[in-house]
Amino acid sequence: MIFLFYNHFTLSFICFQKFNIYFIILLALDGWTGPHGNSIWAFMLITSSRKEYLLRLEDLSSERHTSQYLSTVIEEIIVKVGIEKFVAIISDNAANVAGARRIISQNHPSILNIRCIAHCINLISSDIVKINQVKILVKYANIITKFFKNSAIGVALLKKAIEIKNIQGGGLKTYVETRWTTIYECTSSIWRLKDALQHVFFKSIKSQLLFLR
């Protein structure tokens, strides 16, 4: 049974009957700035069966996001669900959020303080892209993908070449700085489509030579 509450820009999904005592629950949280400058925070529950529940989506713009304040919000959530059902709290490592995790773990020793591994990988990949050789590689990879994204003829030729070469996995992927996984997707898509890209290149060269005759 799901109860929906809406009050003072707070959207909460409390699944009381879902969260029985045998469930092992992780609390994951993150905040971001909305399109209108609002400070939006999401609190997710992740169960041992890998199910995810949005427990609270809240506008915290009117409050200072200190570790103490965030820990108070988190405390309210875990008490409502049941402290004994939680095994860990997970977030990125921003100073205020890390401090809030620390406070919760100190108050409740059975709840582990865990830093988000995805955020760690994000930071590592961001540092890797700053290496000059990698920066050049990503730059040229993006030039290739953007050329085909902006050329209708190029897209058609590449699509045909992919069919001829029977290459699976889709087309070229573009690197976007704010999405760290696209570094891999962009470079690997070019390598995966190497034969198709070479096919388009040599076909284009051949067409130009025939035109010059």
N, C-alpha and C. Protein backbone atom coordinates (compact mmCIF):
# COMPACT_ATOMS: atom_id res chain seq x y z
N MET A 1 0.85 -1.19 0.00
CA MET A 1 0.00 0.00 0.00
C MET A 1 0.88 1.24 0.00
N ILE A 2 0.65 2.17 -0.91
CA ILE A 2 1.49 3.35 -1.04
C ILE A 2 0.71 4.58 -0.63
N PHE A 3 1.30 5.38 0.26
CA PHE A 3 0.69 6.63 0.69
C PHE A 3 1.46 7.78 0.06
N LEU A 4 0.78 8.75 -0.51
CA LEU A 4 1.41 9.89 -1.16
C LEU A 4 1.12 11.15 -0.37
N PHE A 5 2.19 11.82 0.06
CA PHE A 5 2.04 13.06 0.81
C PHE A 5 2.62 14.21 -0.01
N TYR A 6 1.96 15.36 0.01
CA TYR A 6 2.51 16.53 -0.65
C TYR A 6 2.30 17.73 0.25
N ASN A 7 3.39 18.31 0.71
CA ASN A 7 3.26 19.43 1.65
C ASN A 7 4.53 20.27 1.62
N HIS A 8 4.41 21.57 1.38
CA HIS A 8 5.54 22.49 1.35
C HIS A 8 6.64 21.99 0.40
N PHE A 9 6.25 21.71 -0.82
CA PHE A 9 7.17 21.27 -1.86
C PHE A 9 7.84 19.94 -1.54
N THR A 10 7.22 19.16 -0.70
CA THR A 10 7.77 17.84 -0.35
C THR A 10 6.90 16.76 -0.97
N LEU A 11 7.55 15.89 -1.70
CA LEU A 11 6.85 14.76 -2.32
C LEU A 11 7.41 13.49 -1.71
N SER A 12 6.58 12.76 -0.98
CA SER A 12 7.08 11.58 -0.27
C SER A 12 6.28 10.35 -0.67
N PHE A 13 7.00 9.26 -0.88
CA PHE A 13 6.36 7.97 -1.14
C PHE A 13 6.73 7.06 0.03
N ILE A 14 5.77 6.78 0.88
CA ILE A 14 6.03 5.93 2.03
C ILE A 14 5.35 4.58 1.82
N CYS A 15 6.15 3.56 1.61
CA CYS A 15 5.60 2.24 1.33
C CYS A 15 5.65 1.41 2.61
N PHE A 16 4.82 1.74 3.56
CA PHE A 16 4.92 1.12 4.88
C PHE A 16 4.82 -0.40 4.83
N GLN A 17 3.88 -0.90 4.06
CA GLN A 17 3.68 -2.33 4.06
C GLN A 17 4.75 -3.06 3.26
N LYS A 18 5.49 -2.32 2.43
CA LYS A 18 6.56 -2.93 1.65
C LYS A 18 7.78 -3.19 2.52
N PHE A 19 8.08 -2.26 3.43
CA PHE A 19 9.32 -2.31 4.16
C PHE A 19 9.17 -3.14 5.44
N ASN A 20 9.00 -4.44 5.25
CA ASN A 20 8.91 -5.35 6.39
C ASN A 20 10.28 -5.53 7.02
N ILE A 21 10.32 -6.09 8.19
CA ILE A 21 11.54 -6.16 8.97
C ILE A 21 12.66 -6.94 8.28
N TYR A 22 12.31 -7.90 7.39
CA TYR A 22 13.35 -8.71 6.77
C TYR A 22 14.02 -8.01 5.60
N PHE A 23 13.54 -6.83 5.23
CA PHE A 23 14.17 -6.10 4.15
C PHE A 23 15.46 -5.44 4.64
N ILE A 24 16.53 -5.57 3.86
CA ILE A 24 17.75 -4.82 4.12
C ILE A 24 17.70 -3.58 3.23
N ILE A 25 17.80 -2.40 3.82
CA ILE A 25 17.58 -1.18 3.07
C ILE A 25 18.79 -0.27 3.11
N LEU A 26 19.14 0.29 1.94
CA LEU A 26 20.14 1.32 1.83
C LEU A 26 19.43 2.64 1.57
N LEU A 27 19.91 3.72 2.15
CA LEU A 27 19.37 5.04 1.86
C LEU A 27 20.38 5.79 1.01
N ALA A 28 19.98 6.16 -0.21
CA ALA A 28 20.83 6.93 -1.12
C ALA A 28 20.24 8.32 -1.28
N LEU A 29 21.09 9.33 -1.29
CA LEU A 29 20.59 10.69 -1.42
C LEU A 29 21.51 11.52 -2.32
N ASP A 30 20.90 12.51 -2.96
CA ASP A 30 21.67 13.41 -3.82
C ASP A 30 20.88 14.71 -3.99
N GLY A 31 21.59 15.79 -4.24
CA GLY A 31 20.95 17.08 -4.46
C GLY A 31 21.43 17.71 -5.75
N TRP A 32 20.61 18.53 -6.35
CA TRP A 32 20.99 19.22 -7.58
C TRP A 32 20.20 20.52 -7.70
N THR A 33 20.63 21.37 -8.62
CA THR A 33 19.95 22.64 -8.85
C THR A 33 18.97 22.50 -9.99
N GLY A 34 17.70 22.83 -9.75
CA GLY A 34 16.66 22.72 -10.76
C GLY A 34 16.75 23.84 -11.78
N PRO A 35 15.95 23.78 -12.85
CA PRO A 35 15.98 24.79 -13.93
C PRO A 35 15.66 26.21 -13.44
N HIS A 36 14.98 26.32 -12.30
CA HIS A 36 14.63 27.64 -11.77
C HIS A 36 15.50 28.03 -10.58
N GLY A 37 16.62 27.31 -10.41
CA GLY A 37 17.55 27.63 -9.34
C GLY A 37 17.20 27.01 -8.00
N ASN A 38 16.19 26.17 -7.96
CA ASN A 38 15.80 25.51 -6.71
C ASN A 38 16.80 24.42 -6.33
N SER A 39 16.98 24.24 -5.05
CA SER A 39 17.84 23.17 -4.55
C SER A 39 16.96 21.94 -4.28
N ILE A 40 17.04 20.98 -5.18
CA ILE A 40 16.19 19.78 -5.11
C ILE A 40 17.00 18.61 -4.56
N TRP A 41 16.41 17.90 -3.63
CA TRP A 41 17.06 16.73 -3.03
C TRP A 41 16.17 15.51 -3.15
N ALA A 42 16.79 14.40 -3.51
CA ALA A 42 16.06 13.13 -3.63
C ALA A 42 16.62 12.13 -2.62
N PHE A 43 15.71 11.39 -2.00
CA PHE A 43 16.07 10.35 -1.03
C PHE A 43 15.48 9.04 -1.52
N MET A 44 16.35 8.09 -1.83
CA MET A 44 15.94 6.81 -2.41
C MET A 44 16.20 5.67 -1.43
N LEU A 45 15.30 4.70 -1.45
CA LEU A 45 15.49 3.47 -0.70
C LEU A 45 15.82 2.35 -1.68
N ILE A 46 16.85 1.59 -1.35
CA ILE A 46 17.25 0.45 -2.19
C ILE A 46 17.22 -0.79 -1.32
N THR A 47 16.41 -1.77 -1.71
CA THR A 47 16.25 -2.97 -0.90
C THR A 47 17.23 -4.06 -1.31
N SER A 48 17.32 -5.10 -0.51
CA SER A 48 18.22 -6.22 -0.79
C SER A 48 17.83 -6.95 -2.07
N SER A 49 16.61 -6.77 -2.52
CA SER A 49 16.16 -7.40 -3.78
C SER A 49 16.39 -6.46 -4.96
N ARG A 50 17.15 -5.36 -4.73
CA ARG A 50 17.54 -4.39 -5.76
C ARG A 50 16.37 -3.56 -6.28
N LYS A 51 15.34 -3.46 -5.50
CA LYS A 51 14.23 -2.59 -5.87
C LYS A 51 14.49 -1.20 -5.31
N GLU A 52 14.10 -0.18 -6.08
CA GLU A 52 14.35 1.20 -5.69
C GLU A 52 13.03 1.92 -5.46
N TYR A 53 12.97 2.70 -4.41
CA TYR A 53 11.77 3.47 -4.09
C TYR A 53 12.15 4.92 -3.85
N LEU A 54 11.45 5.82 -4.51
CA LEU A 54 11.64 7.25 -4.25
C LEU A 54 10.86 7.59 -2.99
N LEU A 55 11.58 7.81 -1.92
CA LEU A 55 10.92 8.07 -0.64
C LEU A 55 10.56 9.54 -0.49
N ARG A 56 11.48 10.42 -0.92
CA ARG A 56 11.19 11.84 -0.77
C ARG A 56 11.92 12.63 -1.86
N LEU A 57 11.19 13.57 -2.46
CA LEU A 57 11.75 14.51 -3.42
C LEU A 57 11.40 15.89 -2.89
N GLU A 58 12.41 16.63 -2.42
CA GLU A 58 12.11 17.81 -1.63
C GLU A 58 12.91 19.03 -2.09
N ASP A 59 12.24 20.20 -2.04
CA ASP A 59 12.87 21.49 -2.31
C ASP A 59 13.42 22.04 -0.99
N LEU A 60 14.72 22.08 -0.86
CA LEU A 60 15.36 22.56 0.37
C LEU A 60 15.99 23.94 0.18
N SER A 61 15.47 24.71 -0.76
CA SER A 61 16.06 26.01 -1.09
C SER A 61 16.05 26.98 0.08
N SER A 62 15.08 26.86 0.95
CA SER A 62 14.94 27.83 2.05
C SER A 62 15.83 27.51 3.24
N GLU A 63 16.59 26.42 3.17
CA GLU A 63 17.43 26.02 4.29
C GLU A 63 18.91 26.02 3.91
N ARG A 64 19.77 26.25 4.89
CA ARG A 64 21.21 26.11 4.70
C ARG A 64 21.57 24.64 4.77
N HIS A 65 22.28 24.15 3.78
CA HIS A 65 22.54 22.71 3.67
C HIS A 65 23.75 22.30 4.51
N THR A 66 23.67 22.55 5.77
CA THR A 66 24.75 22.15 6.68
C THR A 66 24.64 20.65 6.96
N SER A 67 25.73 20.09 7.42
CA SER A 67 25.73 18.66 7.77
C SER A 67 24.67 18.37 8.83
N GLN A 68 24.56 19.28 9.80
CA GLN A 68 23.62 19.08 10.88
C GLN A 68 22.18 19.08 10.37
N TYR A 69 21.87 20.02 9.46
CA TYR A 69 20.51 20.09 8.94
C TYR A 69 20.18 18.85 8.11
N LEU A 70 21.10 18.47 7.22
CA LEU A 70 20.85 17.30 6.37
C LEU A 70 20.71 16.03 7.21
N SER A 71 21.49 15.93 8.27
CA SER A 71 21.39 14.75 9.12
C SER A 71 20.03 14.70 9.82
N THR A 72 19.46 15.88 10.11
CA THR A 72 18.13 15.93 10.72
C THR A 72 17.06 15.42 9.74
N VAL A 73 17.19 15.83 8.47
CA VAL A 73 16.26 15.35 7.44
C VAL A 73 16.38 13.84 7.28
N ILE A 74 17.62 13.34 7.24
CA ILE A 74 17.86 11.91 7.08
C ILE A 74 17.33 11.14 8.29
N GLU A 75 17.56 11.68 9.47
CA GLU A 75 17.09 11.04 10.70
C GLU A 75 15.58 10.87 10.68
N GLU A 76 14.88 11.89 10.22
CA GLU A 76 13.41 11.84 10.13
C GLU A 76 12.96 10.71 9.20
N ILE A 77 13.70 10.55 8.12
CA ILE A 77 13.35 9.51 7.13
C ILE A 77 13.57 8.11 7.70
N ILE A 78 14.74 7.86 8.27
CA ILE A 78 15.04 6.51 8.73
C ILE A 78 14.19 6.12 9.94
N VAL A 79 13.83 7.10 10.75
CA VAL A 79 12.93 6.81 11.88
C VAL A 79 11.56 6.43 11.38
N LYS A 80 11.09 7.13 10.32
CA LYS A 80 9.76 6.87 9.78
C LYS A 80 9.68 5.46 9.19
N VAL A 81 10.74 5.04 8.52
CA VAL A 81 10.75 3.71 7.90
C VAL A 81 11.08 2.63 8.93
N GLY A 82 12.01 2.96 9.84
CA GLY A 82 12.45 1.99 10.85
C GLY A 82 13.96 1.88 10.86
N ILE A 83 14.60 2.41 11.89
CA ILE A 83 16.07 2.45 11.95
C ILE A 83 16.67 1.07 11.80
N GLU A 84 16.03 0.06 12.40
CA GLU A 84 16.59 -1.29 12.39
C GLU A 84 16.60 -1.92 11.00
N LYS A 85 15.94 -1.30 10.04
CA LYS A 85 15.87 -1.87 8.68
C LYS A 85 17.00 -1.37 7.78
N PHE A 86 17.77 -0.40 8.25
CA PHE A 86 18.82 0.19 7.42
C PHE A 86 20.18 -0.41 7.75
N VAL A 87 20.96 -0.63 6.70
CA VAL A 87 22.32 -1.12 6.88
C VAL A 87 23.36 -0.09 6.45
N ALA A 88 22.98 0.86 5.58
CA ALA A 88 23.97 1.83 5.09
C ALA A 88 23.29 3.08 4.55
N ILE A 89 24.06 4.16 4.51
CA ILE A 89 23.64 5.40 3.90
C ILE A 89 24.70 5.78 2.87
N ILE A 90 24.27 6.13 1.66
CA ILE A 90 25.19 6.34 0.54
C ILE A 90 24.95 7.70 -0.10
N SER A 91 26.06 8.41 -0.42
CA SER A 91 25.96 9.69 -1.13
C SER A 91 27.32 10.01 -1.74
N ASP A 92 27.40 11.14 -2.46
CA ASP A 92 28.70 11.59 -2.94
C ASP A 92 29.49 12.14 -1.75
N ASN A 93 30.68 12.69 -2.01
CA ASN A 93 31.53 13.07 -0.88
C ASN A 93 31.64 14.59 -0.69
N ALA A 94 30.60 15.32 -1.09
CA ALA A 94 30.58 16.75 -0.76
C ALA A 94 30.68 16.89 0.75
N ALA A 95 31.38 17.92 1.22
CA ALA A 95 31.70 18.03 2.64
C ALA A 95 30.48 17.99 3.54
N ASN A 96 29.42 18.71 3.14
CA ASN A 96 28.22 18.75 4.00
C ASN A 96 27.50 17.40 4.04
N VAL A 97 27.45 16.73 2.89
CA VAL A 97 26.75 15.44 2.84
C VAL A 97 27.57 14.36 3.55
N ALA A 98 28.88 14.39 3.34
CA ALA A 98 29.75 13.43 4.03
C ALA A 98 29.64 13.63 5.54
N GLY A 99 29.53 14.89 5.96
CA GLY A 99 29.36 15.18 7.38
C GLY A 99 28.05 14.64 7.92
N ALA A 100 27.00 14.76 7.12
CA ALA A 100 25.68 14.25 7.52
C ALA A 100 25.71 12.73 7.65
N ARG A 101 26.38 12.06 6.71
CA ARG A 101 26.52 10.60 6.80
C ARG A 101 27.24 10.21 8.07
N ARG A 102 28.29 10.96 8.38
CA ARG A 102 29.09 10.67 9.55
C ARG A 102 28.26 10.81 10.83
N ILE A 103 27.44 11.84 10.90
CA ILE A 103 26.58 12.06 12.07
C ILE A 103 25.61 10.90 12.25
N ILE A 104 24.99 10.48 11.13
CA ILE A 104 24.03 9.37 11.19
C ILE A 104 24.71 8.09 11.67
N SER A 105 25.90 7.81 11.16
CA SER A 105 26.62 6.59 11.56
C SER A 105 27.06 6.64 13.03
N GLN A 106 27.40 7.85 13.49
CA GLN A 106 27.77 8.00 14.89
C GLN A 106 26.57 7.79 15.81
N ASN A 107 25.43 8.29 15.38
CA ASN A 107 24.19 8.14 16.17
C ASN A 107 23.64 6.72 16.09
N HIS A 108 23.91 6.06 14.96
CA HIS A 108 23.39 4.70 14.73
C HIS A 108 24.54 3.84 14.19
N PRO A 109 25.37 3.27 15.05
CA PRO A 109 26.55 2.50 14.64
C PRO A 109 26.25 1.34 13.69
N SER A 110 25.01 0.85 13.69
CA SER A 110 24.67 -0.28 12.81
C SER A 110 24.50 0.17 11.35
N ILE A 111 24.42 1.48 11.11
CA ILE A 111 24.26 2.01 9.75
C ILE A 111 25.62 2.43 9.21
N LEU A 112 26.06 1.78 8.15
CA LEU A 112 27.37 2.04 7.58
C LEU A 112 27.39 3.36 6.82
N ASN A 113 28.53 4.03 6.86
CA ASN A 113 28.75 5.29 6.15
C ASN A 113 29.51 4.96 4.86
N ILE A 114 28.83 5.03 3.70
CA ILE A 114 29.43 4.60 2.44
C ILE A 114 29.45 5.73 1.42
N ARG A 115 30.60 5.94 0.82
CA ARG A 115 30.74 6.92 -0.25
C ARG A 115 30.34 6.29 -1.58
N CYS A 116 29.61 7.02 -2.42
CA CYS A 116 29.10 6.50 -3.69
C CYS A 116 30.25 6.15 -4.64
N ILE A 117 30.34 4.89 -5.05
CA ILE A 117 31.42 4.45 -5.94
C ILE A 117 31.29 5.07 -7.32
N ALA A 118 30.05 5.30 -7.77
CA ALA A 118 29.85 5.93 -9.09
C ALA A 118 30.43 7.33 -9.10
N HIS A 119 30.29 8.05 -7.99
CA HIS A 119 30.85 9.39 -7.90
C HIS A 119 32.37 9.33 -7.92
N CYS A 120 32.95 8.31 -7.27
CA CYS A 120 34.40 8.13 -7.29
C CYS A 120 34.90 7.90 -8.71
N ILE A 121 34.20 7.03 -9.45
CA ILE A 121 34.59 6.74 -10.84
C ILE A 121 34.43 7.99 -11.69
N ASN A 122 33.40 8.78 -11.42
CA ASN A 122 33.18 10.04 -12.12
C ASN A 122 34.38 10.96 -11.95
N LEU A 123 34.86 11.10 -10.71
CA LEU A 123 36.01 11.96 -10.43
C LEU A 123 37.28 11.43 -11.09
N ILE A 124 37.46 10.09 -11.07
CA ILE A 124 38.63 9.48 -11.69
C ILE A 124 38.62 9.71 -13.19
N SER A 125 37.46 9.49 -13.83
CA SER A 125 37.36 9.67 -15.28
C SER A 125 37.58 11.13 -15.68
N SER A 126 37.11 12.05 -14.81
CA SER A 126 37.31 13.48 -15.08
C SER A 126 38.80 13.82 -15.06
N ASP A 127 39.55 13.19 -14.15
CA ASP A 127 41.00 13.42 -14.07
C ASP A 127 41.71 12.79 -15.27
N ILE A 128 41.24 11.62 -15.70
CA ILE A 128 41.85 10.94 -16.85
C ILE A 128 41.74 11.79 -18.10
N VAL A 129 40.57 12.42 -18.29
CA VAL A 129 40.34 13.25 -19.48
C VAL A 129 41.25 14.48 -19.50
N LYS A 130 41.79 14.86 -18.35
CA LYS A 130 42.68 16.02 -18.28
C LYS A 130 44.09 15.69 -18.77
N ILE A 131 44.41 14.39 -18.88
CA ILE A 131 45.71 13.97 -19.41
C ILE A 131 45.77 14.35 -20.89
N ASN A 132 46.87 14.94 -21.32
CA ASN A 132 46.94 15.52 -22.66
C ASN A 132 46.64 14.51 -23.76
N GLN A 133 47.24 13.31 -23.67
CA GLN A 133 47.01 12.31 -24.72
C GLN A 133 45.54 11.91 -24.81
N VAL A 134 44.91 11.76 -23.64
CA VAL A 134 43.49 11.38 -23.62
C VAL A 134 42.64 12.54 -24.13
N LYS A 135 43.01 13.75 -23.75
CA LYS A 135 42.27 14.94 -24.20
C LYS A 135 42.26 15.03 -25.72
N ILE A 136 43.42 14.75 -26.33
CA ILE A 136 43.53 14.79 -27.80
C ILE A 136 42.69 13.68 -28.42
N LEU A 137 42.76 12.47 -27.83
CA LEU A 137 41.99 11.33 -28.33
C LEU A 137 40.49 11.64 -28.31
N VAL A 138 40.00 12.16 -27.17
CA VAL A 138 38.58 12.48 -27.04
C VAL A 138 38.18 13.60 -27.99
N LYS A 139 39.08 14.58 -28.17
CA LYS A 139 38.81 15.70 -29.07
C LYS A 139 38.56 15.22 -30.50
N TYR A 140 39.46 14.37 -31.00
CA TYR A 140 39.32 13.87 -32.38
C TYR A 140 38.15 12.89 -32.51
N ALA A 141 37.90 12.14 -31.46
CA ALA A 141 36.74 11.24 -31.48
C ALA A 141 35.46 12.05 -31.59
N ASN A 142 35.40 13.17 -30.87
CA ASN A 142 34.22 14.02 -30.93
C ASN A 142 34.07 14.70 -32.28
N ILE A 143 35.20 15.04 -32.91
CA ILE A 143 35.14 15.66 -34.25
C ILE A 143 34.48 14.69 -35.24
N ILE A 144 34.87 13.42 -35.14
CA ILE A 144 34.30 12.40 -36.05
C ILE A 144 32.81 12.23 -35.80
N THR A 145 32.43 12.08 -34.53
CA THR A 145 31.01 11.84 -34.22
C THR A 145 30.16 13.06 -34.59
N LYS A 146 30.65 14.27 -34.32
CA LYS A 146 29.89 15.48 -34.64
C LYS A 146 29.72 15.66 -36.14
N PHE A 147 30.76 15.27 -36.91
CA PHE A 147 30.65 15.36 -38.36
C PHE A 147 29.48 14.53 -38.87
N PHE A 148 29.40 13.29 -38.39
CA PHE A 148 28.32 12.42 -38.85
C PHE A 148 26.97 12.82 -38.27
N LYS A 149 26.96 13.39 -37.06
CA LYS A 149 25.70 13.84 -36.47
C LYS A 149 25.12 15.02 -37.26
N ASN A 150 26.00 15.84 -37.85
CA ASN A 150 25.56 17.05 -38.55
C ASN A 150 25.44 16.89 -40.05
N SER A 151 25.72 15.71 -40.55
CA SER A 151 25.67 15.47 -42.00
C SER A 151 24.66 14.37 -42.32
N ALA A 152 23.59 14.75 -42.98
CA ALA A 152 22.56 13.78 -43.35
C ALA A 152 23.12 12.72 -44.30
N ILE A 153 23.95 13.17 -45.27
CA ILE A 153 24.56 12.24 -46.22
C ILE A 153 25.52 11.31 -45.48
N GLY A 154 26.31 11.90 -44.58
CA GLY A 154 27.27 11.11 -43.81
C GLY A 154 26.58 10.04 -42.98
N VAL A 155 25.48 10.40 -42.32
CA VAL A 155 24.72 9.45 -41.51
C VAL A 155 24.20 8.31 -42.37
N ALA A 156 23.67 8.67 -43.57
CA ALA A 156 23.12 7.66 -44.47
C ALA A 156 24.21 6.69 -44.93
N LEU A 157 25.38 7.23 -45.28
CA LEU A 157 26.49 6.39 -45.74
C LEU A 157 26.99 5.47 -44.63
N LEU A 158 27.08 6.03 -43.43
CA LEU A 158 27.56 5.22 -42.31
C LEU A 158 26.55 4.14 -41.95
N LYS A 159 25.29 4.48 -41.97
CA LYS A 159 24.25 3.50 -41.66
C LYS A 159 24.30 2.34 -42.66
N LYS A 160 24.49 2.67 -43.93
CA LYS A 160 24.58 1.65 -44.96
C LYS A 160 25.81 0.77 -44.76
N ALA A 161 26.93 1.41 -44.40
CA ALA A 161 28.18 0.67 -44.18
C ALA A 161 28.05 -0.27 -42.98
N ILE A 162 27.35 0.18 -41.95
CA ILE A 162 27.13 -0.66 -40.77
C ILE A 162 26.33 -1.90 -41.15
N GLU A 163 25.33 -1.72 -42.02
CA GLU A 163 24.53 -2.86 -42.47
C GLU A 163 25.36 -3.82 -43.32
N ILE A 164 26.20 -3.25 -44.20
CA ILE A 164 27.04 -4.08 -45.06
C ILE A 164 28.03 -4.90 -44.23
N LYS A 165 28.62 -4.25 -43.24
CA LYS A 165 29.61 -4.92 -42.39
C LYS A 165 28.96 -5.74 -41.28
N ASN A 166 27.64 -5.63 -41.16
CA ASN A 166 26.87 -6.37 -40.14
C ASN A 166 27.43 -6.13 -38.72
N ILE A 167 27.58 -4.86 -38.39
CA ILE A 167 28.11 -4.47 -37.08
C ILE A 167 26.95 -4.18 -36.13
N GLN A 168 27.01 -4.78 -34.96
CA GLN A 168 25.95 -4.61 -33.97
C GLN A 168 26.32 -3.54 -32.94
N GLY A 169 25.31 -3.03 -32.23
CA GLY A 169 25.58 -2.11 -31.12
C GLY A 169 25.22 -0.67 -31.36
N GLY A 170 24.62 -0.36 -32.52
CA GLY A 170 24.19 1.01 -32.78
C GLY A 170 25.26 1.87 -33.44
N GLY A 171 24.95 3.18 -33.54
CA GLY A 171 25.84 4.10 -34.23
C GLY A 171 26.85 4.77 -33.31
N LEU A 172 27.37 5.91 -33.77
CA LEU A 172 28.37 6.65 -33.02
C LEU A 172 27.75 7.34 -31.80
N LYS A 173 28.54 7.44 -30.75
CA LYS A 173 28.10 8.10 -29.52
C LYS A 173 28.94 9.36 -29.32
N THR A 174 28.30 10.41 -28.82
CA THR A 174 28.98 11.68 -28.60
C THR A 174 29.39 11.83 -27.14
N TYR A 175 30.59 12.36 -26.92
CA TYR A 175 31.07 12.61 -25.56
C TYR A 175 30.44 13.90 -25.01
N VAL A 176 29.88 13.83 -23.82
CA VAL A 176 29.29 14.99 -23.14
C VAL A 176 29.98 15.13 -21.79
N GLU A 177 30.54 16.29 -21.51
CA GLU A 177 31.35 16.48 -20.31
C GLU A 177 30.61 16.15 -19.01
N THR A 178 29.32 16.46 -18.98
CA THR A 178 28.55 16.24 -17.75
C THR A 178 28.10 14.79 -17.57
N ARG A 179 28.37 13.95 -18.56
CA ARG A 179 28.01 12.53 -18.47
C ARG A 179 29.28 11.70 -18.66
N TRP A 180 29.91 11.32 -17.54
CA TRP A 180 31.24 10.73 -17.59
C TRP A 180 31.29 9.40 -18.33
N THR A 181 30.20 8.65 -18.36
CA THR A 181 30.22 7.35 -19.05
C THR A 181 30.35 7.51 -20.57
N THR A 182 30.04 8.72 -21.08
CA THR A 182 30.10 8.94 -22.54
C THR A 182 31.53 8.98 -23.05
N ILE A 183 32.53 9.14 -22.17
CA ILE A 183 33.93 9.08 -22.60
C ILE A 183 34.18 7.71 -23.21
N TYR A 184 33.77 6.69 -22.48
CA TYR A 184 33.94 5.31 -22.97
C TYR A 184 33.05 5.05 -24.17
N GLU A 185 31.79 5.47 -24.09
CA GLU A 185 30.84 5.20 -25.16
C GLU A 185 31.30 5.82 -26.48
N CYS A 186 31.82 7.04 -26.43
CA CYS A 186 32.26 7.73 -27.63
C CYS A 186 33.45 7.02 -28.28
N THR A 187 34.51 6.81 -27.50
CA THR A 187 35.73 6.20 -28.06
C THR A 187 35.51 4.74 -28.48
N SER A 188 34.75 4.01 -27.69
CA SER A 188 34.52 2.60 -28.03
C SER A 188 33.62 2.46 -29.26
N SER A 189 32.69 3.41 -29.45
CA SER A 189 31.81 3.33 -30.62
C SER A 189 32.61 3.53 -31.91
N ILE A 190 33.61 4.40 -31.87
CA ILE A 190 34.46 4.61 -33.05
C ILE A 190 35.28 3.35 -33.34
N TRP A 191 35.83 2.75 -32.29
CA TRP A 191 36.61 1.51 -32.48
C TRP A 191 35.71 0.39 -33.01
N ARG A 192 34.51 0.30 -32.45
CA ARG A 192 33.57 -0.75 -32.88
C ARG A 192 33.17 -0.56 -34.34
N LEU A 193 33.05 0.70 -34.78
CA LEU A 193 32.60 1.00 -36.14
C LEU A 193 33.77 1.30 -37.08
N LYS A 194 34.98 0.90 -36.67
CA LYS A 194 36.18 1.20 -37.47
C LYS A 194 36.04 0.75 -38.92
N ASP A 195 35.60 -0.48 -39.13
CA ASP A 195 35.47 -1.00 -40.50
C ASP A 195 34.44 -0.21 -41.31
N ALA A 196 33.34 0.16 -40.68
CA ALA A 196 32.30 0.93 -41.37
C ALA A 196 32.80 2.34 -41.71
N LEU A 197 33.53 2.96 -40.78
CA LEU A 197 34.07 4.30 -41.03
C LEU A 197 35.11 4.28 -42.16
N GLN A 198 35.95 3.25 -42.16
CA GLN A 198 36.92 3.11 -43.25
C GLN A 198 36.22 2.87 -44.58
N HIS A 199 35.14 2.11 -44.55
CA HIS A 199 34.36 1.86 -45.76
C HIS A 199 33.82 3.17 -46.33
N VAL A 200 33.27 4.01 -45.46
CA VAL A 200 32.73 5.31 -45.89
C VAL A 200 33.85 6.20 -46.41
N PHE A 201 34.99 6.19 -45.72
CA PHE A 201 36.12 7.04 -46.12
C PHE A 201 36.63 6.66 -47.51
N PHE A 202 36.90 5.39 -47.72
CA PHE A 202 37.45 4.95 -49.01
C PHE A 202 36.42 5.11 -50.14
N LYS A 203 35.15 4.92 -49.82
CA LYS A 203 34.11 5.13 -50.82
C LYS A 203 34.04 6.60 -51.21
N SER A 204 34.20 7.48 -50.24
CA SER A 204 34.18 8.92 -50.50
C SER A 204 35.38 9.32 -51.35
N ILE A 205 36.57 8.77 -51.03
CA ILE A 205 37.78 9.07 -51.81
C ILE A 205 37.62 8.59 -53.24
N LYS A 206 37.07 7.39 -53.40
CA LYS A 206 36.86 6.82 -54.73
C LYS A 206 35.91 7.69 -55.55
N SER A 207 34.84 8.17 -54.92
CA SER A 207 33.85 9.03 -55.60
C SER A 207 34.50 10.32 -56.06
N GLN A 208 35.36 10.89 -55.21
CA GLN A 208 36.04 12.15 -55.56
C GLN A 208 36.99 11.95 -56.71
N LEU A 209 37.72 10.82 -56.72
CA LEU A 209 38.65 10.54 -57.82
C LEU A 209 37.91 10.36 -59.14
N LEU A 210 36.77 9.69 -59.09
CA LEU A 210 35.97 9.51 -60.30
C LEU A 210 35.44 10.86 -60.80
N PHE A 211 35.12 11.75 -59.86
CA PHE A 211 34.58 13.05 -60.23
C PHE A 211 35.66 13.91 -60.91
N LEU A 212 36.93 13.72 -60.45
CA LEU A 212 38.03 14.54 -61.02
C LEU A 212 38.49 14.06 -62.39
N ARG A 213 38.12 12.88 -62.79
CA ARG A 213 38.54 12.35 -64.10
C ARG A 213 37.84 13.10 -65.24
